[in-house]
N, C-alpha and C. Protein backbone atom coordinates (compact mmCIF):
# COMPACT_ATOMS: atom_id res chain seq x y z
N UNK A 1 73.76 111.31 109.49
CA UNK A 1 74.74 110.26 109.31
C UNK A 1 76.02 110.66 110.03
N UNK A 2 76.60 109.73 110.76
CA UNK A 2 77.85 110.02 111.46
C UNK A 2 78.87 108.95 111.10
N UNK A 3 79.81 109.34 110.26
CA UNK A 3 80.90 108.43 109.89
C UNK A 3 82.12 108.85 110.69
N UNK A 4 82.74 107.90 111.37
CA UNK A 4 83.94 108.18 112.13
C UNK A 4 85.15 108.22 111.22
N UNK A 5 86.14 109.00 111.62
CA UNK A 5 87.38 109.12 110.85
C UNK A 5 88.55 108.73 111.75
N UNK A 6 89.43 107.90 111.22
CA UNK A 6 90.63 107.49 111.94
C UNK A 6 91.84 107.75 111.06
N UNK A 7 92.82 108.49 111.59
CA UNK A 7 94.05 108.79 110.87
C UNK A 7 95.15 107.92 111.45
N UNK A 8 95.67 106.99 110.67
CA UNK A 8 96.75 106.09 111.09
C UNK A 8 98.00 106.53 110.33
N UNK A 9 98.94 107.17 111.04
CA UNK A 9 100.06 107.80 110.34
C UNK A 9 101.39 107.60 111.06
N UNK A 10 102.46 107.88 110.32
CA UNK A 10 103.80 107.93 110.91
C UNK A 10 103.88 109.12 111.87
N UNK A 11 104.66 108.93 112.91
CA UNK A 11 104.93 109.99 113.89
C UNK A 11 103.66 110.74 114.25
N UNK A 12 103.71 112.07 114.22
CA UNK A 12 102.56 112.87 114.64
C UNK A 12 101.90 113.57 113.45
N UNK A 13 102.05 113.00 112.26
CA UNK A 13 101.45 113.59 111.07
C UNK A 13 99.95 113.71 111.23
N UNK A 14 99.31 112.66 111.67
CA UNK A 14 97.86 112.67 111.85
C UNK A 14 97.42 113.70 112.88
N UNK A 15 98.17 113.81 113.98
CA UNK A 15 97.83 114.79 115.02
C UNK A 15 97.88 116.21 114.46
N UNK A 16 98.93 116.51 113.69
CA UNK A 16 99.07 117.85 113.12
C UNK A 16 97.93 118.16 112.15
N UNK A 17 97.58 117.21 111.30
CA UNK A 17 96.48 117.43 110.36
C UNK A 17 95.15 117.60 111.09
N UNK A 18 94.92 116.79 112.11
CA UNK A 18 93.68 116.89 112.87
C UNK A 18 93.59 118.23 113.60
N UNK A 19 94.67 118.66 114.23
CA UNK A 19 94.67 119.94 114.94
C UNK A 19 94.38 121.09 113.98
N UNK A 20 94.98 121.05 112.81
CA UNK A 20 94.76 122.10 111.81
C UNK A 20 93.30 122.10 111.36
N UNK A 21 92.76 120.93 111.08
CA UNK A 21 91.36 120.83 110.64
C UNK A 21 90.41 121.34 111.71
N UNK A 22 90.66 120.99 112.95
CA UNK A 22 89.78 121.44 114.03
C UNK A 22 89.81 122.96 114.16
N UNK A 23 90.97 123.57 113.95
CA UNK A 23 91.05 125.04 113.99
C UNK A 23 90.27 125.65 112.83
N UNK A 24 90.35 125.03 111.67
CA UNK A 24 89.65 125.56 110.50
C UNK A 24 88.14 125.44 110.65
N UNK A 25 87.69 124.37 111.30
CA UNK A 25 86.26 124.14 111.46
C UNK A 25 85.72 124.68 112.78
N UNK A 26 86.63 125.17 113.63
CA UNK A 26 86.24 125.71 114.94
C UNK A 26 85.34 124.74 115.70
N UNK A 27 85.67 123.48 115.61
CA UNK A 27 84.82 122.45 116.21
C UNK A 27 85.70 121.36 116.81
N UNK A 28 85.65 121.22 118.11
CA UNK A 28 86.46 120.19 118.76
C UNK A 28 85.71 118.86 118.87
N UNK A 29 84.47 118.83 118.39
CA UNK A 29 83.67 117.60 118.52
C UNK A 29 83.60 116.80 117.22
N UNK A 30 84.52 117.04 116.31
CA UNK A 30 84.53 116.29 115.06
C UNK A 30 84.77 114.80 115.35
N UNK A 31 84.14 113.90 114.58
CA UNK A 31 84.26 112.46 114.83
C UNK A 31 85.58 111.90 114.28
N UNK A 32 86.69 112.36 114.87
CA UNK A 32 88.00 112.04 114.31
C UNK A 32 88.98 111.69 115.42
N UNK A 33 89.77 110.65 115.18
CA UNK A 33 90.81 110.25 116.12
C UNK A 33 92.08 109.95 115.33
N UNK A 34 93.20 109.98 116.03
CA UNK A 34 94.48 109.68 115.38
C UNK A 34 95.16 108.52 116.08
N UNK A 35 95.94 107.79 115.31
CA UNK A 35 96.76 106.70 115.85
C UNK A 35 98.16 106.87 115.27
N UNK A 36 99.09 107.17 116.16
CA UNK A 36 100.48 107.39 115.76
C UNK A 36 101.23 106.07 115.73
N UNK A 37 101.94 105.83 114.64
CA UNK A 37 102.76 104.62 114.51
C UNK A 37 104.22 105.07 114.47
N UNK A 38 104.96 104.72 115.51
CA UNK A 38 106.38 105.10 115.56
C UNK A 38 107.24 103.92 115.12
N UNK A 39 108.50 104.19 114.91
CA UNK A 39 109.42 103.13 114.47
C UNK A 39 109.66 102.12 115.59
N UNK A 40 109.41 102.52 116.83
CA UNK A 40 109.64 101.63 117.97
C UNK A 40 108.40 100.80 118.33
N UNK A 41 107.30 101.03 117.66
CA UNK A 41 106.04 100.38 118.06
C UNK A 41 106.02 98.90 117.72
N UNK A 42 105.15 98.19 118.42
CA UNK A 42 104.87 96.80 118.12
C UNK A 42 103.63 96.79 117.23
N UNK A 43 103.77 96.44 115.94
CA UNK A 43 102.64 96.51 115.02
C UNK A 43 101.41 95.73 115.48
N UNK A 44 101.61 94.60 116.16
CA UNK A 44 100.46 93.82 116.63
C UNK A 44 99.69 94.57 117.72
N UNK A 45 100.42 95.24 118.61
CA UNK A 45 99.75 96.03 119.65
C UNK A 45 99.01 97.21 119.03
N UNK A 46 99.64 97.86 118.06
CA UNK A 46 99.00 98.99 117.39
C UNK A 46 97.76 98.52 116.64
N UNK A 47 97.85 97.37 116.01
CA UNK A 47 96.70 96.81 115.28
C UNK A 47 95.52 96.57 116.22
N UNK A 48 95.80 96.06 117.40
CA UNK A 48 94.76 95.83 118.40
C UNK A 48 94.13 97.16 118.81
N UNK A 49 94.96 98.17 119.04
CA UNK A 49 94.46 99.50 119.40
C UNK A 49 93.63 100.09 118.26
N UNK A 50 94.07 99.90 117.04
CA UNK A 50 93.34 100.41 115.87
C UNK A 50 91.95 99.79 115.78
N UNK A 51 91.85 98.50 116.00
CA UNK A 51 90.55 97.82 115.97
C UNK A 51 89.63 98.37 117.06
N UNK A 52 90.18 98.62 118.24
CA UNK A 52 89.40 99.19 119.33
C UNK A 52 88.89 100.58 118.97
N UNK A 53 89.76 101.38 118.35
CA UNK A 53 89.37 102.74 117.96
C UNK A 53 88.26 102.72 116.92
N UNK A 54 88.34 101.81 115.96
CA UNK A 54 87.29 101.69 114.94
C UNK A 54 85.96 101.35 115.61
N UNK A 55 85.98 100.43 116.55
CA UNK A 55 84.74 100.06 117.25
C UNK A 55 84.15 101.26 117.97
N UNK A 56 85.00 102.08 118.59
CA UNK A 56 84.53 103.27 119.30
C UNK A 56 84.00 104.34 118.35
N UNK A 57 84.62 104.47 117.19
CA UNK A 57 84.21 105.49 116.22
C UNK A 57 82.96 105.12 115.44
N UNK A 58 82.71 103.84 115.29
CA UNK A 58 81.58 103.41 114.46
C UNK A 58 80.26 103.56 115.21
N UNK A 59 79.47 104.54 114.77
CA UNK A 59 78.16 104.80 115.36
C UNK A 59 77.05 104.15 114.54
N UNK A 60 77.44 103.26 113.63
CA UNK A 60 76.46 102.56 112.81
C UNK A 60 76.53 102.91 111.34
N UNK A 61 77.22 104.01 111.00
CA UNK A 61 77.32 104.44 109.61
C UNK A 61 78.67 104.13 108.98
N UNK A 62 79.60 103.59 109.76
CA UNK A 62 80.90 103.21 109.24
C UNK A 62 82.03 104.11 109.68
N UNK A 63 83.22 103.73 109.26
CA UNK A 63 84.44 104.47 109.60
C UNK A 63 85.29 104.57 108.34
N UNK A 64 85.85 105.76 108.13
CA UNK A 64 86.79 105.98 107.03
C UNK A 64 88.17 106.13 107.66
N UNK A 65 89.07 105.23 107.29
CA UNK A 65 90.42 105.22 107.84
C UNK A 65 91.38 105.79 106.80
N UNK A 66 92.22 106.72 107.24
CA UNK A 66 93.22 107.34 106.38
C UNK A 66 94.60 106.92 106.83
N UNK A 67 95.51 106.77 105.87
CA UNK A 67 96.90 106.53 106.19
C UNK A 67 97.76 107.39 105.27
N UNK A 68 98.96 107.71 105.73
CA UNK A 68 99.77 108.68 105.00
C UNK A 68 100.51 108.12 103.80
N UNK A 69 100.93 106.86 103.83
CA UNK A 69 101.75 106.35 102.73
C UNK A 69 101.44 104.89 102.46
N UNK A 70 101.01 104.59 101.27
CA UNK A 70 100.65 103.22 100.88
C UNK A 70 101.86 102.29 101.01
N UNK A 71 101.62 101.12 101.56
CA UNK A 71 102.65 100.10 101.67
C UNK A 71 103.50 100.18 102.92
N UNK A 72 103.32 101.20 103.72
CA UNK A 72 104.09 101.38 104.95
C UNK A 72 103.43 100.62 106.10
N UNK A 73 104.08 100.61 107.25
CA UNK A 73 103.50 99.95 108.43
C UNK A 73 102.15 100.56 108.79
N UNK A 74 102.01 101.90 108.86
CA UNK A 74 100.68 102.45 109.14
C UNK A 74 99.64 102.01 108.11
N UNK A 75 100.04 101.95 106.86
CA UNK A 75 99.14 101.52 105.80
C UNK A 75 98.72 100.07 105.99
N UNK A 76 99.65 99.22 106.33
CA UNK A 76 99.33 97.81 106.55
C UNK A 76 98.39 97.63 107.74
N UNK A 77 98.61 98.40 108.79
CA UNK A 77 97.72 98.36 109.95
C UNK A 77 96.33 98.84 109.54
N UNK A 78 96.28 99.95 108.80
CA UNK A 78 94.99 100.48 108.35
C UNK A 78 94.27 99.47 107.47
N UNK A 79 95.00 98.84 106.57
CA UNK A 79 94.39 97.88 105.65
C UNK A 79 93.79 96.70 106.41
N UNK A 80 94.38 96.34 107.54
CA UNK A 80 93.84 95.23 108.34
C UNK A 80 92.46 95.56 108.91
N UNK A 81 92.10 96.84 108.90
CA UNK A 81 90.80 97.29 109.43
C UNK A 81 89.70 97.25 108.38
N UNK A 82 90.09 97.16 107.10
CA UNK A 82 89.12 97.24 106.00
C UNK A 82 88.04 96.18 106.15
N UNK A 83 86.80 96.63 105.99
CA UNK A 83 85.64 95.75 106.11
C UNK A 83 84.58 96.33 105.18
N UNK A 84 84.42 95.72 104.02
CA UNK A 84 83.54 96.25 102.97
C UNK A 84 82.19 96.70 103.51
N UNK A 85 81.87 97.96 103.22
CA UNK A 85 80.60 98.52 103.62
C UNK A 85 80.58 99.08 105.03
N UNK A 86 81.63 98.79 105.81
CA UNK A 86 81.68 99.27 107.18
C UNK A 86 82.93 100.09 107.46
N UNK A 87 84.07 99.67 106.93
CA UNK A 87 85.33 100.38 107.13
C UNK A 87 86.06 100.47 105.80
N UNK A 88 86.26 101.69 105.31
CA UNK A 88 87.03 101.92 104.09
C UNK A 88 88.38 102.53 104.46
N UNK A 89 89.39 102.26 103.64
CA UNK A 89 90.74 102.76 103.89
C UNK A 89 91.23 103.53 102.67
N UNK A 90 91.80 104.71 102.92
CA UNK A 90 92.36 105.55 101.86
C UNK A 90 93.78 105.92 102.25
N UNK A 91 94.73 105.76 101.32
CA UNK A 91 96.12 106.15 101.60
C UNK A 91 96.43 107.47 100.90
N UNK A 92 97.56 108.06 101.28
CA UNK A 92 97.98 109.33 100.69
C UNK A 92 97.38 110.53 101.38
N UNK A 93 97.07 110.40 102.66
CA UNK A 93 96.42 111.48 103.41
C UNK A 93 97.15 112.80 103.26
N UNK A 94 96.38 113.84 102.95
CA UNK A 94 96.90 115.20 102.96
C UNK A 94 95.81 116.13 103.49
N UNK A 95 96.16 117.37 103.78
CA UNK A 95 95.19 118.29 104.38
C UNK A 95 93.99 118.56 103.47
N UNK A 96 94.16 118.77 102.16
CA UNK A 96 92.98 118.96 101.31
C UNK A 96 92.03 117.77 101.35
N UNK A 97 92.57 116.56 101.43
CA UNK A 97 91.74 115.37 101.52
C UNK A 97 90.91 115.39 102.80
N UNK A 98 91.56 115.72 103.91
CA UNK A 98 90.87 115.74 105.19
C UNK A 98 89.81 116.84 105.23
N UNK A 99 90.13 118.02 104.73
CA UNK A 99 89.17 119.13 104.72
C UNK A 99 87.97 118.78 103.84
N UNK A 100 88.22 118.21 102.67
CA UNK A 100 87.11 117.81 101.79
C UNK A 100 86.21 116.82 102.51
N UNK A 101 86.82 115.86 103.17
CA UNK A 101 86.05 114.85 103.90
C UNK A 101 85.18 115.49 104.97
N UNK A 102 85.76 116.39 105.74
CA UNK A 102 85.02 117.03 106.83
C UNK A 102 83.88 117.90 106.32
N UNK A 103 83.99 118.38 105.10
CA UNK A 103 82.92 119.18 104.50
C UNK A 103 81.74 118.33 104.02
N UNK A 104 81.93 117.02 103.94
CA UNK A 104 80.88 116.15 103.41
C UNK A 104 80.54 115.00 104.36
N UNK A 105 80.59 115.23 105.64
CA UNK A 105 80.33 114.17 106.61
C UNK A 105 78.90 113.63 106.57
N UNK A 106 78.01 114.31 105.86
CA UNK A 106 76.62 113.85 105.77
C UNK A 106 76.43 112.77 104.70
N UNK A 107 77.47 112.48 103.93
CA UNK A 107 77.38 111.45 102.88
C UNK A 107 77.50 110.05 103.48
N UNK A 108 77.09 109.05 102.69
CA UNK A 108 77.30 107.66 103.11
C UNK A 108 78.78 107.33 102.93
N UNK A 109 79.20 106.20 103.48
CA UNK A 109 80.62 105.84 103.50
C UNK A 109 81.23 105.75 102.10
N UNK A 110 80.55 105.12 101.17
CA UNK A 110 81.09 104.98 99.81
C UNK A 110 81.29 106.35 99.16
N UNK A 111 80.29 107.22 99.25
CA UNK A 111 80.37 108.55 98.65
C UNK A 111 81.42 109.41 99.35
N UNK A 112 81.51 109.29 100.67
CA UNK A 112 82.50 110.07 101.42
C UNK A 112 83.91 109.63 101.04
N UNK A 113 84.10 108.35 100.84
CA UNK A 113 85.40 107.83 100.41
C UNK A 113 85.80 108.42 99.06
N UNK A 114 84.85 108.48 98.14
CA UNK A 114 85.11 109.07 96.82
C UNK A 114 85.45 110.55 96.94
N UNK A 115 84.74 111.28 97.81
CA UNK A 115 85.02 112.71 98.03
C UNK A 115 86.42 112.90 98.61
N UNK A 116 86.80 112.03 99.54
CA UNK A 116 88.12 112.12 100.15
C UNK A 116 89.21 111.97 99.10
N UNK A 117 89.08 110.96 98.25
CA UNK A 117 90.09 110.70 97.22
C UNK A 117 90.16 111.87 96.24
N UNK A 118 89.01 112.38 95.81
CA UNK A 118 89.03 113.51 94.86
C UNK A 118 89.62 114.75 95.52
N UNK A 119 89.32 114.97 96.79
CA UNK A 119 89.89 116.13 97.49
C UNK A 119 91.39 116.05 97.60
N UNK A 120 91.90 114.85 97.86
CA UNK A 120 93.34 114.67 97.94
C UNK A 120 94.03 114.91 96.61
N UNK A 121 93.44 114.37 95.55
CA UNK A 121 94.02 114.54 94.21
C UNK A 121 93.97 116.00 93.76
N UNK A 122 92.83 116.64 93.98
CA UNK A 122 92.66 118.02 93.53
C UNK A 122 93.49 119.01 94.35
N UNK A 123 93.97 118.56 95.51
CA UNK A 123 94.79 119.43 96.34
C UNK A 123 96.26 119.40 95.98
N UNK A 124 96.63 118.61 94.98
CA UNK A 124 98.03 118.50 94.57
C UNK A 124 98.24 119.29 93.28
N UNK A 125 99.17 120.22 93.33
CA UNK A 125 99.47 121.07 92.17
C UNK A 125 100.98 121.26 92.05
N UNK A 126 101.46 121.38 90.85
CA UNK A 126 102.85 121.75 90.61
C UNK A 126 102.89 123.27 90.51
N UNK A 127 103.53 123.91 91.47
CA UNK A 127 103.54 125.37 91.53
C UNK A 127 104.87 125.89 90.99
N UNK A 128 104.91 126.10 89.70
CA UNK A 128 106.13 126.59 89.07
C UNK A 128 105.97 128.05 88.69
N UNK A 129 107.06 128.76 88.74
CA UNK A 129 107.05 130.16 88.28
C UNK A 129 107.18 130.17 86.76
N UNK A 130 106.45 131.06 86.12
CA UNK A 130 106.58 131.16 84.66
C UNK A 130 107.98 131.62 84.28
N UNK A 131 108.47 131.10 83.17
CA UNK A 131 109.79 131.50 82.67
C UNK A 131 109.63 132.81 81.91
N UNK A 132 110.44 133.78 82.25
CA UNK A 132 110.37 135.10 81.58
C UNK A 132 111.29 135.17 80.40
């Protein structure tokens, strides 16, 4: 099974996460692309590019689209790609979410989406020092 991954993020957040993941997996052939949304961009042009990228990434098993912050321009662009059973969208992208996803690329789209969300949630911790 080959599910494509698209990171739609502010600035170069997606690029940085993808570069880090590729170094961790020592694999430059991961099915992942990034789409940077800047403050100067034309959302309609970016939306067109995003649709093209999804078509290129979809090898028949679907595409999982990530965005960094719910309700933002990248999130709205990502949401426009949602297509039940073919394209799922998850917001709140973080490195643990991406790593968890890359570890389970053999799952179907629905299961991979669930793994991504759990990986993101489980990667968040409050790191406080104990009071002496």
